[in-house]
Amino acid sequence: MFDKASLYDDAINMSLGEPGFVTPEHIIRAGVDFLTQGKTKYTPNAGIYPFREALAEKLQRVNHIKCGPNNIIVTFGAVEALMLAMITLINPGDEVIVPDPAWPDYVAQVKMAHGIPIGAKVYEKDRFKMTAEIIEPLISPKTKMLIVNSPNNPTGAVLNREELREIAELVKRRKIYVIADEAYERLVYDGEEHVSLGAFDGLEDYILTVNTFSKAYAMTGWRLGYACANKEIVSQMIKLHENNGSCVNEAFQHAGIYALRHGDKDIEFMLGCYDKNRKLIAEGINRLRGFSCIMPKGAFYLFPNITGLSMNSVDAANYILEKTHVVTSPGIAFGEAGEGHIRMSFANDCHSIETALERLEKYFGTK
């Protein structure tokens, strides 16, 4: 879709999972300052100790996860953390339960580790929530791992405390590993509470919490992520990290410490903008003939139902691009259960969203 969009000079891209903001200026300045101070060397494979110490403090204070610096590895974004976890824990033929719909890389990474992805299909009628009730029937003797993503990409679904508690009990009872991908933890709306799965007692031997600075701090290009798990798992991930990229940029790790200490107001400002955009785009899409959507509670994506257009999601996304020059992502890209939907990012600027809605309304009309 991104390549096709390049054919149109006036294309409005609502397909990318990226904040519409540049990294806050004071965080950029901090990164530059650390570079000029000579923070340009190799670091320990796990990451510099002060950064891991700051991450452990954040995980304890904000996420209520019991951990220390030696439970943490600093990675090239959440993507590498996930890949290292897959290679560390999955053997050929192991089954991994993944949300469906979900970020496509989960399935790709499981396959790269020679595992077998098993989709846990969730639907709009259930507000796209992957609950223990949906997960348990999919567990087999071959099940090695479960992936939980809340807030969810692409649906914006947020699991509440009780729903996560039930998943935690299931993991303990069935003794399977679980990755909690919490990349969008700071992006929740309407008074929703982000609860970390790793905060529940008894999961210490089973859970890996994965996070990133990309979404909350608008630092996608800095490639700054981390994982928290028990020391045995982390020690193996560190060995793989050495052979994959050795270490994350030293100055950027120091900038990560700075962001943790000074970036909360920036997150609050960006979240306020996303919330306005969320309401604007949801209202606009629900006016359109052939479209409908539920209000997402987290992340920065809308997942509209386009079955009213009487075409599949790939054809719909191409048709929308051709007729309105608005770029969206077909729902089937996120799994079989994503069919009948498209994904639209509302992390864009307000003017672009308004213009996109005007184009869509002009072409498709209102109900």
Protein backbone atom coordinates (compact mmCIF):
# COMPACT_ATOMS: atom_id res chain seq x y z
CA MET A 1 0.00 0.00 0.00
CA PHE A 2 2.87 2.34 0.82
CA ASP A 3 4.44 1.71 -2.60
CA LYS A 4 1.14 2.23 -4.39
CA ALA A 5 0.59 5.46 -2.50
CA SER A 6 3.77 6.86 -4.07
CA LEU A 7 1.85 7.10 -7.35
CA TYR A 8 -0.26 9.93 -5.90
CA ASP A 9 1.35 13.25 -5.00
CA ASP A 10 -1.54 14.14 -2.66
CA ALA A 11 -1.81 10.77 -0.89
CA ILE A 12 -2.67 10.89 2.82
CA ASN A 13 -0.96 7.96 4.53
CA MET A 14 -3.00 6.47 7.36
CA SER A 15 -1.37 3.05 7.13
CA LEU A 16 1.82 3.48 9.18
CA GLY A 17 2.07 2.57 12.87
CA GLU A 18 4.17 5.58 13.72
CA PRO A 19 3.59 8.65 15.89
CA GLY A 20 2.85 11.79 13.92
CA PHE A 21 5.29 13.71 16.12
CA VAL A 22 9.01 14.20 15.90
CA THR A 23 10.85 13.10 19.06
CA PRO A 24 10.48 15.91 21.65
CA GLU A 25 13.24 18.47 21.12
CA HIS A 26 14.71 18.25 24.62
CA ILE A 27 15.16 14.47 24.23
CA ILE A 28 16.89 15.01 20.88
CA ARG A 29 19.18 17.59 22.50
CA ALA A 30 19.99 15.13 25.26
CA GLY A 31 20.95 12.48 22.71
CA VAL A 32 23.18 14.93 20.85
CA ASP A 33 24.78 16.07 24.10
CA PHE A 34 25.63 12.49 25.02
CA LEU A 35 27.21 11.97 21.59
CA THR A 36 29.36 15.09 21.96
CA GLN A 37 30.39 13.89 25.42
CA GLY A 38 31.94 10.87 23.76
CA LYS A 39 29.24 8.29 24.51
CA THR A 40 30.14 6.54 21.26
CA LYS A 41 31.62 3.24 22.42
CA TYR A 42 30.50 -0.36 22.64
CA THR A 43 28.45 -1.14 25.72
CA PRO A 44 27.79 -4.38 27.59
CA ASN A 45 25.56 -6.63 25.49
CA ALA A 46 22.73 -6.34 28.00
CA GLY A 47 22.88 -2.52 27.92
CA ILE A 48 24.56 -0.01 30.21
CA TYR A 49 23.84 -0.66 33.87
CA PRO A 50 22.38 2.83 34.65
CA PHE A 51 19.81 2.39 31.87
CA ARG A 52 18.83 -1.10 33.03
CA GLU A 53 18.63 0.26 36.57
CA ALA A 54 16.32 3.07 35.41
CA LEU A 55 14.18 0.60 33.46
CA ALA A 56 13.90 -1.71 36.47
CA GLU A 57 12.83 1.24 38.64
CA LYS A 58 10.20 2.21 36.04
CA LEU A 59 8.90 -1.36 35.78
CA GLN A 60 8.56 -1.60 39.56
CA ARG A 61 7.00 1.84 40.04
CA VAL A 62 4.70 2.02 37.02
CA ASN A 63 4.04 -1.60 36.05
CA HIS A 64 4.35 -3.19 39.51
CA ILE A 65 6.69 -5.84 38.09
CA LYS A 66 9.27 -7.22 40.52
CA CYS A 67 12.63 -7.05 38.77
CA GLY A 68 16.18 -5.73 38.91
CA PRO A 69 18.73 -4.58 36.33
CA ASN A 70 19.89 -8.16 35.70
CA ASN A 71 16.37 -9.10 34.60
CA ILE A 72 16.58 -6.66 31.67
CA ILE A 73 18.12 -6.63 28.21
CA VAL A 74 18.22 -3.50 26.04
CA THR A 75 17.39 -4.23 22.40
CA PHE A 76 16.93 -2.68 18.97
CA GLY A 77 13.30 -1.78 19.57
CA ALA A 78 10.64 -4.20 20.73
CA VAL A 79 11.06 -6.06 17.42
CA GLU A 80 14.46 -7.48 18.34
CA ALA A 81 13.33 -8.24 21.89
CA LEU A 82 10.50 -10.35 20.49
CA MET A 83 12.76 -12.11 17.99
CA LEU A 84 15.37 -12.93 20.64
CA ALA A 85 12.64 -14.32 22.89
CA MET A 86 11.31 -16.50 20.08
CA ILE A 87 14.73 -17.95 19.22
CA THR A 88 15.57 -18.49 22.89
CA LEU A 89 12.40 -20.39 23.79
CA ILE A 90 10.91 -21.96 20.67
CA ASN A 91 12.06 -25.32 19.31
CA PRO A 92 11.09 -26.60 15.85
CA GLY A 93 7.46 -27.71 15.87
CA ASP A 94 6.48 -25.82 19.04
CA GLU A 95 3.13 -24.07 18.82
CA VAL A 96 2.74 -20.39 19.72
CA ILE A 97 -0.70 -18.87 20.27
CA VAL A 98 -0.85 -15.40 18.71
CA PRO A 99 -3.71 -12.90 18.62
CA ASP A 100 -5.68 -12.75 15.38
CA PRO A 101 -5.90 -9.99 14.22
CA ALA A 102 -2.49 -8.79 15.38
CA TRP A 103 0.73 -7.15 14.29
CA PRO A 104 1.93 -9.38 11.39
CA ASP A 105 5.49 -9.75 12.68
CA TYR A 106 4.38 -12.15 15.43
CA VAL A 107 3.51 -14.82 12.87
CA ALA A 108 6.64 -14.12 10.81
CA GLN A 109 8.92 -14.32 13.84
CA VAL A 110 7.37 -17.56 15.10
CA LYS A 111 7.95 -19.09 11.67
CA MET A 112 11.54 -17.80 11.57
CA ALA A 113 12.10 -19.65 14.85
CA HIS A 114 10.61 -22.79 13.20
CA GLY A 115 7.55 -22.65 15.42
CA ILE A 116 3.90 -23.00 14.40
CA PRO A 117 1.66 -19.95 14.92
CA ILE A 118 -1.85 -20.71 16.15
CA GLY A 119 -4.27 -17.82 15.72
CA ALA A 120 -6.57 -16.91 18.61
CA LYS A 121 -9.35 -15.32 16.56
CA VAL A 122 -11.20 -12.40 18.11
CA TYR A 123 -14.04 -10.42 16.60
CA GLU A 124 -15.76 -7.08 16.76
CA LYS A 125 -18.76 -8.52 18.64
CA ASP A 126 -16.37 -9.30 21.52
CA ARG A 127 -14.62 -5.91 21.17
CA PHE A 128 -11.60 -7.78 19.79
CA LYS A 129 -10.55 -9.02 23.26
CA MET A 130 -8.37 -12.15 23.44
CA THR A 131 -9.54 -13.65 26.72
CA ALA A 132 -8.59 -16.83 28.59
CA GLU A 133 -11.84 -18.37 27.37
CA ILE A 134 -10.68 -17.96 23.77
CA ILE A 135 -7.09 -19.03 24.48
CA GLU A 136 -7.54 -22.23 26.52
CA PRO A 137 -9.17 -24.42 23.82
CA LEU A 138 -6.16 -23.69 21.59
CA ILE A 139 -3.61 -25.06 24.08
CA SER A 140 -2.24 -28.45 23.06
CA PRO A 141 0.66 -30.64 24.22
CA LYS A 142 2.77 -28.77 21.64
CA THR A 143 1.96 -25.30 22.96
CA LYS A 144 5.12 -23.53 24.13
CA MET A 145 4.16 -19.89 24.22
CA LEU A 146 1.35 -17.35 24.20
CA ILE A 147 1.61 -13.74 23.00
CA VAL A 148 -0.58 -11.07 24.61
CA ASN A 149 -0.74 -7.55 23.17
CA SER A 150 -2.70 -4.99 25.17
CA PRO A 151 -3.34 -2.28 24.07
CA ASN A 152 -3.63 -4.08 20.77
CA ASN A 153 -2.41 -3.29 17.30
CA PRO A 154 -4.50 -3.12 15.07
CA THR A 155 -7.77 -3.09 17.01
CA GLY A 156 -7.07 -0.78 19.96
CA ALA A 157 -8.52 -3.36 22.37
CA VAL A 158 -7.45 -3.09 26.01
CA LEU A 159 -7.71 -6.04 28.41
CA ASN A 160 -8.89 -5.13 31.90
CA ARG A 161 -7.41 -6.35 35.18
CA GLU A 162 -9.78 -9.30 35.60
CA GLU A 163 -9.30 -10.47 32.02
CA LEU A 164 -5.53 -10.39 32.48
CA ARG A 165 -5.81 -12.14 35.86
CA GLU A 166 -7.63 -15.02 34.16
CA ILE A 167 -4.88 -15.24 31.53
CA ALA A 168 -2.25 -15.24 34.28
CA GLU A 169 -4.00 -18.12 36.05
CA LEU A 170 -4.23 -20.02 32.77
CA VAL A 171 -0.50 -19.57 32.11
CA LYS A 172 0.40 -20.82 35.59
CA ARG A 173 -1.96 -23.76 35.33
CA ARG A 174 -0.82 -24.86 31.87
CA LYS A 175 2.85 -23.92 32.41
CA ILE A 176 3.48 -22.14 29.11
CA TYR A 177 5.61 -19.09 28.41
CA VAL A 178 3.88 -15.80 27.73
CA ILE A 179 5.16 -12.65 26.05
CA ALA A 180 3.39 -9.47 27.11
CA ASP A 181 3.94 -6.93 24.32
CA GLU A 182 3.20 -3.59 25.99
CA ALA A 183 4.44 -1.18 23.31
CA TYR A 184 1.29 0.94 23.61
CA GLU A 185 1.01 0.92 27.41
CA ARG A 186 0.91 4.72 27.73
CA LEU A 187 -1.73 5.17 25.02
CA VAL A 188 -5.07 4.43 26.69
CA TYR A 189 -8.28 6.48 26.69
CA ASP A 190 -11.64 6.98 28.39
CA GLY A 191 -10.24 6.28 31.84
CA GLU A 192 -9.00 2.81 30.87
CA GLU A 193 -6.18 1.41 33.02
CA HIS A 194 -3.18 -0.31 31.54
CA VAL A 195 -2.39 -3.38 33.64
CA SER A 196 0.84 -5.33 33.13
CA LEU A 197 0.46 -9.09 32.96
CA GLY A 198 3.86 -9.36 34.65
CA ALA A 199 2.45 -7.75 37.80
CA PHE A 200 0.54 -10.90 38.75
CA ASP A 201 2.25 -13.19 41.26
CA GLY A 202 3.53 -16.58 40.19
CA LEU A 203 4.45 -15.71 36.60
CA GLU A 204 8.13 -15.03 37.24
CA ASP A 205 9.30 -18.24 35.51
CA TYR A 206 6.99 -17.86 32.52
CA ILE A 207 6.62 -14.23 31.49
CA LEU A 208 8.63 -11.91 29.29
CA THR A 209 7.54 -8.27 29.25
CA VAL A 210 8.54 -6.42 26.08
CA ASN A 211 8.41 -2.67 25.58
CA THR A 212 9.83 0.17 23.51
CA PHE A 213 10.40 3.92 23.49
CA SER A 214 9.03 4.11 19.95
CA LYS A 215 5.34 4.79 20.52
CA ALA A 216 5.04 6.70 23.79
CA TYR A 217 8.06 8.96 23.24
CA ALA A 218 7.84 9.20 19.42
CA MET A 219 11.31 7.61 19.18
CA THR A 220 10.69 5.03 16.45
CA GLY A 221 13.94 5.74 14.59
CA TRP A 222 16.07 5.52 17.73
CA ARG A 223 15.45 1.73 17.90
CA LEU A 224 15.37 1.64 21.67
CA GLY A 225 13.52 -1.25 23.28
CA TYR A 226 13.85 -3.70 26.15
CA ALA A 227 12.69 -6.98 27.60
CA CYS A 228 12.27 -8.09 31.20
CA ALA A 229 12.29 -11.75 32.21
CA ASN A 230 13.91 -14.13 34.67
CA LYS A 231 17.71 -14.13 34.67
CA GLU A 232 18.05 -17.52 32.96
CA ILE A 233 16.01 -16.41 29.94
CA VAL A 234 17.69 -12.99 29.78
CA SER A 235 21.17 -14.54 29.91
CA GLN A 236 20.39 -16.59 26.80
CA MET A 237 18.86 -13.59 25.00
CA ILE A 238 22.07 -11.65 25.73
CA LYS A 239 24.15 -14.34 23.95
CA LEU A 240 21.93 -14.08 20.89
CA HIS A 241 22.02 -10.29 21.02
CA GLU A 242 25.83 -10.38 20.93
CA ASN A 243 25.66 -12.30 17.65
CA ASN A 244 22.83 -10.21 16.24
CA GLY A 245 23.98 -6.62 16.82
CA SER A 246 26.15 -6.62 19.94
CA CYS A 247 24.73 -3.53 21.66
CA VAL A 248 22.40 -0.57 21.26
CA ASN A 249 23.86 2.90 20.61
CA GLU A 250 25.48 4.12 23.84
CA ALA A 251 24.32 7.75 23.62
CA PHE A 252 20.76 6.68 22.89
CA GLN A 253 20.72 4.50 26.00
CA HIS A 254 21.65 7.57 28.04
CA ALA A 255 18.93 9.49 26.20
CA GLY A 256 16.53 6.74 27.26
CA ILE A 257 17.35 7.44 30.91
CA TYR A 258 16.70 11.13 30.25
CA ALA A 259 13.36 10.36 28.54
CA LEU A 260 12.22 8.23 31.48
CA ARG A 261 12.95 11.09 33.87
CA HIS A 262 11.76 14.04 31.80
CA GLY A 263 9.34 12.80 29.13
CA ASP A 264 6.01 12.37 30.94
CA LYS A 265 4.64 15.79 29.97
CA ASP A 266 5.42 15.08 26.31
CA ILE A 267 3.51 11.80 26.50
CA GLU A 268 0.53 13.55 28.08
CA PHE A 269 0.53 16.18 25.32
CA MET A 270 0.75 13.62 22.51
CA LEU A 271 -1.90 11.44 24.15
CA GLY A 272 -4.26 14.43 24.27
CA CYS A 273 -3.74 14.99 20.54
CA TYR A 274 -4.30 11.33 19.74
CA ASP A 275 -7.49 11.35 21.80
CA LYS A 276 -8.90 14.28 19.82
CA ASN A 277 -7.97 12.55 16.58
CA ARG A 278 -9.52 9.29 17.80
CA LYS A 279 -12.88 10.93 18.42
CA LEU A 280 -12.70 12.88 15.17
CA ILE A 281 -11.95 9.88 12.97
CA ALA A 282 -14.39 7.50 14.70
CA GLU A 283 -17.23 9.98 14.32
CA GLY A 284 -16.31 10.63 10.68
CA ILE A 285 -16.02 6.96 9.73
CA ASN A 286 -19.34 6.07 11.38
CA ARG A 287 -21.04 8.68 9.17
CA LEU A 288 -19.86 7.03 5.96
CA ARG A 289 -22.02 4.73 3.88
CA GLY A 290 -20.58 1.21 3.95
CA PHE A 291 -18.36 1.81 7.01
CA SER A 292 -18.76 1.33 10.76
CA CYS A 293 -16.42 1.10 13.73
CA ILE A 294 -16.24 0.70 17.48
CA MET A 295 -14.27 3.20 19.54
CA PRO A 296 -10.75 1.92 20.29
CA LYS A 297 -9.66 2.16 23.92
CA GLY A 298 -5.92 2.12 23.31
CA ALA A 299 -3.04 2.53 20.82
CA PHE A 300 -3.61 4.89 17.87
CA TYR A 301 -5.50 2.79 15.35
CA LEU A 302 -9.09 2.58 14.16
CA PHE A 303 -10.20 -0.79 12.75
CA PRO A 304 -13.32 0.01 10.71
CA ASN A 305 -15.71 -2.65 9.47
CA ILE A 306 -15.99 -2.32 5.68
CA THR A 307 -18.25 -5.30 4.90
CA GLY A 308 -20.84 -2.76 3.79
CA LEU A 309 -18.68 -2.08 0.74
CA SER A 310 -19.24 -5.68 -0.46
CA MET A 311 -15.57 -6.33 -1.19
CA ASN A 312 -12.69 -7.96 0.62
CA SER A 313 -10.26 -5.87 2.64
CA VAL A 314 -7.46 -5.90 0.02
CA ASP A 315 -9.82 -4.76 -2.72
CA ALA A 316 -11.36 -2.19 -0.36
CA ALA A 317 -7.99 -0.70 0.60
CA ASN A 318 -6.96 -0.47 -3.05
CA TYR A 319 -10.34 0.97 -4.04
CA ILE A 320 -10.16 3.61 -1.29
CA LEU A 321 -6.65 4.57 -2.38
CA GLU A 322 -7.61 4.77 -6.05
CA LYS A 323 -10.74 6.84 -5.49
CA THR A 324 -9.74 9.08 -2.56
CA HIS A 325 -5.92 8.88 -2.37
CA VAL A 326 -6.21 7.86 1.29
CA VAL A 327 -3.84 5.04 2.27
CA THR A 328 -5.16 2.35 4.64
CA SER A 329 -4.06 -1.18 5.54
CA PRO A 330 -6.21 -4.21 4.61
CA GLY A 331 -7.41 -6.12 7.65
CA ILE A 332 -6.37 -9.49 6.23
CA ALA A 333 -2.74 -8.38 6.66
CA PHE A 334 -3.26 -8.76 10.42
CA GLY A 335 -4.76 -12.26 10.29
CA GLU A 336 -7.78 -14.16 9.02
CA ALA A 337 -10.06 -12.57 11.61
CA GLY A 338 -9.05 -9.15 10.30
CA GLU A 339 -10.88 -9.71 7.04
CA GLY A 340 -13.81 -7.35 6.60
CA HIS A 341 -11.84 -4.50 8.18
CA ILE A 342 -9.17 -1.94 7.35
CA ARG A 343 -6.70 -0.30 9.72
CA MET A 344 -6.38 3.46 9.88
CA SER A 345 -3.81 5.24 12.05
CA PHE A 346 -4.98 8.38 13.83
CA ALA A 347 -1.45 9.31 14.91
CA ASN A 348 -1.41 11.65 11.91
CA ASP A 349 -1.92 15.41 12.25
CA CYS A 350 -5.47 16.68 12.69
CA HIS A 351 -5.55 18.52 9.34
CA SER A 352 -4.61 15.37 7.41
CA ILE A 353 -7.33 13.38 9.19
CA GLU A 354 -9.92 16.06 8.44
CA THR A 355 -8.87 16.13 4.78
CA ALA A 356 -8.98 12.32 4.55
CA LEU A 357 -12.48 12.26 6.04
CA GLU A 358 -13.64 14.96 3.63
CA ARG A 359 -12.38 12.92 0.68
CA LEU A 360 -13.99 9.73 1.95
CA GLU A 361 -17.31 11.46 2.62
CA LYS A 362 -17.29 13.14 -0.78
CA TYR A 363 -16.83 9.80 -2.54
CA PHE A 364 -18.78 7.33 -0.39
CA GLY A 365 -21.47 9.65 0.95
CA THR A 366 -23.12 9.50 4.36
CA LYS A 367 -25.72 7.15 5.83
